[in-house]
Amino acid sequence: QIEKTIVELAKQFPAVVLTGPRQSGK
């Protein structure tokens, strides 16, 4: 469900970081 948000940020910033616990599927 976070996919759309990631794509939008990648269009706004030079870099995007996706954090979260291990094995969450990053």
PDB file of all heavy atoms in Angstrom:
ATOM      1  N   GLN A   1       0.809  -1.216   0.000  1.00  0.00           N
ATOM      2  CA  GLN A   1       0.000   0.000   0.000  1.00  0.00           C
ATOM      3  C   GLN A   1       0.845   1.271   0.000  1.00  0.00           C
ATOM      4  O   GLN A   1       0.348   2.349  -0.317  1.00  0.00           O
ATOM      5  CB  GLN A   1      -0.948  -0.023   1.202  1.00  0.00           C
ATOM      6  CG  GLN A   1      -2.000  -1.118   1.093  1.00  0.00           C
ATOM      7  CD  GLN A   1      -2.812  -1.308   2.367  1.00  0.00           C
ATOM      8  OE1 GLN A   1      -2.600  -0.623   3.361  1.00  0.00           O
ATOM      9  NE2 GLN A   1      -3.733  -2.262   2.341  1.00  0.00           N
ATOM     10  N   ILE A   2       2.117   1.142   0.316  1.00  0.00           N
ATOM     11  CA  ILE A   2       3.006   2.300   0.370  1.00  0.00           C
ATOM     12  C   ILE A   2       3.588   2.648  -1.004  1.00  0.00           C
ATOM     13  O   ILE A   2       4.241   3.680  -1.164  1.00  0.00           O
ATOM     14  CB  ILE A   2       4.159   2.041   1.378  1.00  0.00           C
ATOM     15  CG1 ILE A   2       4.763   3.354   1.878  1.00  0.00           C
ATOM     16  CG2 ILE A   2       5.226   1.126   0.774  1.00  0.00           C
ATOM     17  CD1 ILE A   2       5.776   3.178   3.000  1.00  0.00           C
ATOM     18  N   GLU A   3       3.350   1.810  -2.006  1.00  0.00           N
ATOM     19  CA  GLU A   3       3.991   1.972  -3.320  1.00  0.00           C
ATOM     20  C   GLU A   3       3.763   3.359  -3.923  1.00  0.00           C
ATOM     21  O   GLU A   3       4.698   4.009  -4.394  1.00  0.00           O
ATOM     22  CB  GLU A   3       3.497   0.899  -4.285  1.00  0.00           C
ATOM     23  CG  GLU A   3       4.017  -0.493  -3.982  1.00  0.00           C
ATOM     24  CD  GLU A   3       3.471  -1.540  -4.946  1.00  0.00           C
ATOM     25  OE1 GLU A   3       2.812  -1.149  -5.933  1.00  0.00           O
ATOM     26  OE2 GLU A   3       3.708  -2.735  -4.723  1.00  0.00           O
ATOM     27  N   LYS A   4       2.515   3.805  -3.931  1.00  0.00           N
ATOM     28  CA  LYS A   4       2.189   5.103  -4.532  1.00  0.00           C
ATOM     29  C   LYS A   4       2.948   6.227  -3.835  1.00  0.00           C
ATOM     30  O   LYS A   4       3.458   7.144  -4.490  1.00  0.00           O
ATOM     31  CB  LYS A   4       0.684   5.344  -4.458  1.00  0.00           C
ATOM     32  CG  LYS A   4       0.243   6.658  -5.076  1.00  0.00           C
ATOM     33  CD  LYS A   4      -1.264   6.837  -4.967  1.00  0.00           C
ATOM     34  CE  LYS A   4      -1.688   8.183  -5.536  1.00  0.00           C
ATOM     35  NZ  LYS A   4      -3.164   8.404  -5.407  1.00  0.00           N
ATOM     36  N   THR A   5       3.056   6.146  -2.517  1.00  0.00           N
ATOM     37  CA  THR A   5       3.752   7.185  -1.755  1.00  0.00           C
ATOM     38  C   THR A   5       5.236   7.214  -2.102  1.00  0.00           C
ATOM     39  O   THR A   5       5.829   8.291  -2.246  1.00  0.00           O
ATOM     40  CB  THR A   5       3.576   6.941  -0.244  1.00  0.00           C
ATOM     41  OG1 THR A   5       2.190   6.760   0.053  1.00  0.00           O
ATOM     42  CG2 THR A   5       4.109   8.108   0.559  1.00  0.00           C
ATOM     43  N   ILE A   6       5.848   6.035  -2.246  1.00  0.00           N
ATOM     44  CA  ILE A   6       7.276   5.976  -2.607  1.00  0.00           C
ATOM     45  C   ILE A   6       7.517   6.603  -3.976  1.00  0.00           C
ATOM     46  O   ILE A   6       8.438   7.403  -4.157  1.00  0.00           O
ATOM     47  CB  ILE A   6       7.777   4.518  -2.601  1.00  0.00           C
ATOM     48  CG1 ILE A   6       7.706   3.920  -1.204  1.00  0.00           C
ATOM     49  CG2 ILE A   6       9.205   4.440  -3.130  1.00  0.00           C
ATOM     50  CD1 ILE A   6       8.036   2.439  -1.155  1.00  0.00           C
ATOM     51  N   VAL A   7       6.697   6.243  -4.938  1.00  0.00           N
ATOM     52  CA  VAL A   7       6.858   6.765  -6.302  1.00  0.00           C
ATOM     53  C   VAL A   7       6.702   8.286  -6.311  1.00  0.00           C
ATOM     54  O   VAL A   7       7.460   8.999  -6.982  1.00  0.00           O
ATOM     55  CB  VAL A   7       5.846   6.096  -7.255  1.00  0.00           C
ATOM     56  CG1 VAL A   7       5.858   6.783  -8.620  1.00  0.00           C
ATOM     57  CG2 VAL A   7       6.157   4.611  -7.404  1.00  0.00           C
ATOM     58  N   GLU A   8       5.744   8.793  -5.551  1.00  0.00           N
ATOM     59  CA  GLU A   8       5.538  10.244  -5.483  1.00  0.00           C
ATOM     60  C   GLU A   8       6.748  10.950  -4.892  1.00  0.00           C
ATOM     61  O   GLU A   8       7.179  12.003  -5.388  1.00  0.00           O
ATOM     62  CB  GLU A   8       4.286  10.552  -4.660  1.00  0.00           C
ATOM     63  CG  GLU A   8       2.984  10.195  -5.364  1.00  0.00           C
ATOM     64  CD  GLU A   8       1.759  10.428  -4.497  1.00  0.00           C
ATOM     65  OE1 GLU A   8       1.937  10.722  -3.291  1.00  0.00           O
ATOM     66  OE2 GLU A   8       0.632  10.309  -5.010  1.00  0.00           O
ATOM     67  N   LEU A   9       7.317  10.381  -3.812  1.00  0.00           N
ATOM     68  CA  LEU A   9       8.500  10.999  -3.202  1.00  0.00           C
ATOM     69  C   LEU A   9       9.700  10.957  -4.135  1.00  0.00           C
ATOM     70  O   LEU A   9      10.516  11.876  -4.159  1.00  0.00           O
ATOM     71  CB  LEU A   9       8.841  10.312  -1.880  1.00  0.00           C
ATOM     72  CG  LEU A   9       7.989  10.666  -0.663  1.00  0.00           C
ATOM     73  CD1 LEU A   9       8.597  10.083   0.600  1.00  0.00           C
ATOM     74  CD2 LEU A   9       7.826  12.167  -0.499  1.00  0.00           C
ATOM     75  N   ALA A  10       9.827   9.861  -4.906  1.00  0.00           N
ATOM     76  CA  ALA A  10      10.949   9.739  -5.840  1.00  0.00           C
ATOM     77  C   ALA A  10      10.872  10.786  -6.951  1.00  0.00           C
ATOM     78  O   ALA A  10      11.883  11.102  -7.584  1.00  0.00           O
ATOM     79  CB  ALA A  10      10.984   8.336  -6.441  1.00  0.00           C
ATOM     80  N   LYS A  11       9.679  11.330  -7.182  1.00  0.00           N
ATOM     81  CA  LYS A  11       9.526  12.401  -8.174  1.00  0.00           C
ATOM     82  C   LYS A  11       9.795  13.772  -7.573  1.00  0.00           C
ATOM     83  O   LYS A  11       9.936  14.756  -8.289  1.00  0.00           O
ATOM     84  CB  LYS A  11       8.109  12.367  -8.754  1.00  0.00           C
ATOM     85  CG  LYS A  11       7.808  11.134  -9.594  1.00  0.00           C
ATOM     86  CD  LYS A  11       6.354  11.126 -10.054  1.00  0.00           C
ATOM     87  CE  LYS A  11       6.041   9.879 -10.874  1.00  0.00           C
ATOM     88  NZ  LYS A  11       4.606   9.833 -11.284  1.00  0.00           N
ATOM     89  N   GLN A  12       9.847  13.827  -6.235  1.00  0.00           N
ATOM     90  CA  GLN A  12      10.017  15.112  -5.545  1.00  0.00           C
ATOM     91  C   GLN A  12      11.425  15.339  -5.015  1.00  0.00           C
ATOM     92  O   GLN A  12      11.870  16.487  -4.912  1.00  0.00           O
ATOM     93  CB  GLN A  12       9.038  15.200  -4.364  1.00  0.00           C
ATOM     94  CG  GLN A  12       7.581  15.161  -4.768  1.00  0.00           C
ATOM     95  CD  GLN A  12       6.660  15.097  -3.551  1.00  0.00           C
ATOM     96  OE1 GLN A  12       6.993  15.622  -2.489  1.00  0.00           O
ATOM     97  NE2 GLN A  12       5.526  14.443  -3.685  1.00  0.00           N
ATOM     98  N   PHE A  13      12.121  14.252  -4.634  1.00  0.00           N
ATOM     99  CA  PHE A  13      13.420  14.372  -3.979  1.00  0.00           C
ATOM    100  C   PHE A  13      14.513  13.652  -4.779  1.00  0.00           C
ATOM    101  O   PHE A  13      14.246  12.636  -5.434  1.00  0.00           O
ATOM    102  CB  PHE A  13      13.366  13.756  -2.578  1.00  0.00           C
ATOM    103  CG  PHE A  13      12.503  14.508  -1.609  1.00  0.00           C
ATOM    104  CD1 PHE A  13      11.180  14.148  -1.409  1.00  0.00           C
ATOM    105  CD2 PHE A  13      13.016  15.588  -0.902  1.00  0.00           C
ATOM    106  CE1 PHE A  13      10.384  14.831  -0.510  1.00  0.00           C
ATOM    107  CE2 PHE A  13      12.221  16.278   0.003  1.00  0.00           C
ATOM    108  CZ  PHE A  13      10.902  15.908   0.196  1.00  0.00           C
ATOM    109  N   PRO A  14      15.759  14.138  -4.670  1.00  0.00           N
ATOM    110  CA  PRO A  14      16.883  13.418  -5.284  1.00  0.00           C
ATOM    111  C   PRO A  14      17.113  12.042  -4.660  1.00  0.00           C
ATOM    112  O   PRO A  14      17.611  11.126  -5.312  1.00  0.00           O
ATOM    113  CB  PRO A  14      18.087  14.334  -5.034  1.00  0.00           C
ATOM    114  CG  PRO A  14      17.495  15.681  -4.769  1.00  0.00           C
ATOM    115  CD  PRO A  14      16.191  15.425  -4.098  1.00  0.00           C
ATOM    116  N   ALA A  15      16.766  11.903  -3.375  1.00  0.00           N
ATOM    117  CA  ALA A  15      16.965  10.636  -2.670  1.00  0.00           C
ATOM    118  C   ALA A  15      15.738  10.307  -1.835  1.00  0.00           C
ATOM    119  O   ALA A  15      15.062  11.200  -1.320  1.00  0.00           O
ATOM    120  CB  ALA A  15      18.208  10.698  -1.776  1.00  0.00           C
ATOM    121  N   VAL A  16      15.471   9.021  -1.712  1.00  0.00           N
ATOM    122  CA  VAL A  16      14.384   8.525  -0.872  1.00  0.00           C
ATOM    123  C   VAL A  16      14.938   7.393  -0.025  1.00  0.00           C
ATOM    124  O   VAL A  16      15.680   6.542  -0.537  1.00  0.00           O
ATOM    125  CB  VAL A  16      13.195   8.000  -1.710  1.00  0.00           C
ATOM    126  CG1 VAL A  16      12.137   7.366  -0.813  1.00  0.00           C
ATOM    127  CG2 VAL A  16      12.589   9.120  -2.550  1.00  0.00           C
ATOM    128  N   VAL A  17      14.620   7.388   1.270  1.00  0.00           N
ATOM    129  CA  VAL A  17      15.038   6.283   2.127  1.00  0.00           C
ATOM    130  C   VAL A  17      13.800   5.552   2.634  1.00  0.00           C
ATOM    131  O   VAL A  17      12.823   6.169   3.041  1.00  0.00           O
ATOM    132  CB  VAL A  17      15.910   6.747   3.316  1.00  0.00           C
ATOM    133  CG1 VAL A  17      15.171   7.712   4.208  1.00  0.00           C
ATOM    134  CG2 VAL A  17      16.410   5.547   4.117  1.00  0.00           C
ATOM    135  N   LEU A  18      13.860   4.241   2.564  1.00  0.00           N
ATOM    136  CA  LEU A  18      12.794   3.383   3.078  1.00  0.00           C
ATOM    137  C   LEU A  18      13.368   2.610   4.253  1.00  0.00           C
ATOM    138  O   LEU A  18      14.254   1.770   4.097  1.00  0.00           O
ATOM    139  CB  LEU A  18      12.312   2.417   1.989  1.00  0.00           C
ATOM    140  CG  LEU A  18      11.120   1.523   2.351  1.00  0.00           C
ATOM    141  CD1 LEU A  18       9.884   2.364   2.637  1.00  0.00           C
ATOM    142  CD2 LEU A  18      10.835   0.523   1.246  1.00  0.00           C
ATOM    143  N   THR A  19      12.891   2.952   5.439  1.00  0.00           N
ATOM    144  CA  THR A  19      13.367   2.282   6.633  1.00  0.00           C
ATOM    145  C   THR A  19      12.264   1.399   7.194  1.00  0.00           C
ATOM    146  O   THR A  19      11.165   1.343   6.655  1.00  0.00           O
ATOM    147  CB  THR A  19      13.848   3.304   7.680  1.00  0.00           C
ATOM    148  OG1 THR A  19      14.412   2.621   8.790  1.00  0.00           O
ATOM    149  CG2 THR A  19      12.710   4.184   8.157  1.00  0.00           C
ATOM    150  N   GLY A  20      12.565   0.701   8.275  1.00  0.00           N
ATOM    151  CA  GLY A  20      11.612  -0.229   8.861  1.00  0.00           C
ATOM    152  C   GLY A  20      12.333  -1.436   9.422  1.00  0.00           C
ATOM    153  O   GLY A  20      13.542  -1.588   9.241  1.00  0.00           O
ATOM    154  N   PRO A  21      11.617  -2.322  10.109  1.00  0.00           N
ATOM    155  CA  PRO A  21      12.268  -3.497  10.706  1.00  0.00           C
ATOM    156  C   PRO A  21      12.804  -4.448   9.651  1.00  0.00           C
ATOM    157  O   PRO A  21      12.357  -4.443   8.496  1.00  0.00           O
ATOM    158  CB  PRO A  21      11.138  -4.153  11.521  1.00  0.00           C
ATOM    159  CG  PRO A  21       9.886  -3.680  10.869  1.00  0.00           C
ATOM    160  CD  PRO A  21      10.173  -2.298  10.365  1.00  0.00           C
ATOM    161  N   ARG A  22      13.750  -5.264  10.054  1.00  0.00           N
ATOM    162  CA  ARG A  22      14.270  -6.303   9.151  1.00  0.00           C
ATOM    163  C   ARG A  22      13.144  -7.213   8.681  1.00  0.00           C
ATOM    164  O   ARG A  22      12.214  -7.492   9.420  1.00  0.00           O
ATOM    165  CB  ARG A  22      15.328  -7.145   9.872  1.00  0.00           C
ATOM    166  CG  ARG A  22      16.661  -6.453   9.995  1.00  0.00           C
ATOM    167  CD  ARG A  22      17.737  -7.425  10.472  1.00  0.00           C
ATOM    168  NE  ARG A  22      19.050  -6.807  10.348  1.00  0.00           N
ATOM    169  CZ  ARG A  22      19.769  -6.791   9.243  1.00  0.00           C
ATOM    170  NH1 ARG A  22      19.305  -7.363   8.153  1.00  0.00           N
ATOM    171  NH2 ARG A  22      20.951  -6.215   9.214  1.00  0.00           N
ATOM    172  N   GLN A  23      13.267  -7.660   7.454  1.00  0.00           N
ATOM    173  CA  GLN A  23      12.335  -8.635   6.876  1.00  0.00           C
ATOM    174  C   GLN A  23      10.928  -8.081   6.642  1.00  0.00           C
ATOM    175  O   GLN A  23       9.978  -8.836   6.463  1.00  0.00           O
ATOM    176  CB  GLN A  23      12.233  -9.895   7.763  1.00  0.00           C
ATOM    177  CG  GLN A  23      13.541 -10.615   7.990  1.00  0.00           C
ATOM    178  CD  GLN A  23      14.080 -11.226   6.694  1.00  0.00           C
ATOM    179  OE1 GLN A  23      13.353 -11.854   5.947  1.00  0.00           O
ATOM    180  NE2 GLN A  23      15.368 -11.040   6.434  1.00  0.00           N
ATOM    181  N   SER A  24      10.790  -6.760   6.603  1.00  0.00           N
ATOM    182  CA  SER A  24       9.464  -6.198   6.327  1.00  0.00           C
ATOM    183  C   SER A  24       9.177  -6.100   4.836  1.00  0.00           C
ATOM    184  O   SER A  24       8.063  -5.741   4.447  1.00  0.00           O
ATOM    185  CB  SER A  24       9.311  -4.818   6.983  1.00  0.00           C
ATOM    186  OG  SER A  24      10.284  -3.913   6.505  1.00  0.00           O
ATOM    187  N   GLY A  25      10.181  -6.417   4.010  1.00  0.00           N
ATOM    188  CA  GLY A  25       9.976  -6.457   2.559  1.00  0.00           C
ATOM    189  C   GLY A  25      10.516  -5.266   1.805  1.00  0.00           C
ATOM    190  O   GLY A  25      10.137  -5.020   0.657  1.00  0.00           O
ATOM    191  N   LYS A  26      11.431  -4.515   2.411  1.00  0.00           N
ATOM    192  CA  LYS A  26      11.933  -3.287   1.792  1.00  0.00           C
ATOM    193  C   LYS A  26      12.644  -3.558   0.465  1.00  0.00           C
ATOM    194  O   LYS A  26      12.345  -2.928  -0.551  1.00  0.00           O
ATOM    195  CB  LYS A  26      12.894  -2.578   2.760  1.00  0.00           C
ATOM    196  CG  LYS A  26      12.243  -2.141   4.062  1.00  0.00           C
ATOM    197  CD  LYS A  26      13.194  -1.369   4.947  1.00  0.00           C
ATOM    198  CE  LYS A  26      14.356  -2.200   5.450  1.00  0.00           C
ATOM    199  NZ  LYS A  26      13.927  -3.281   6.348  1.00  0.00           N
TER     200      LYS A  26
END
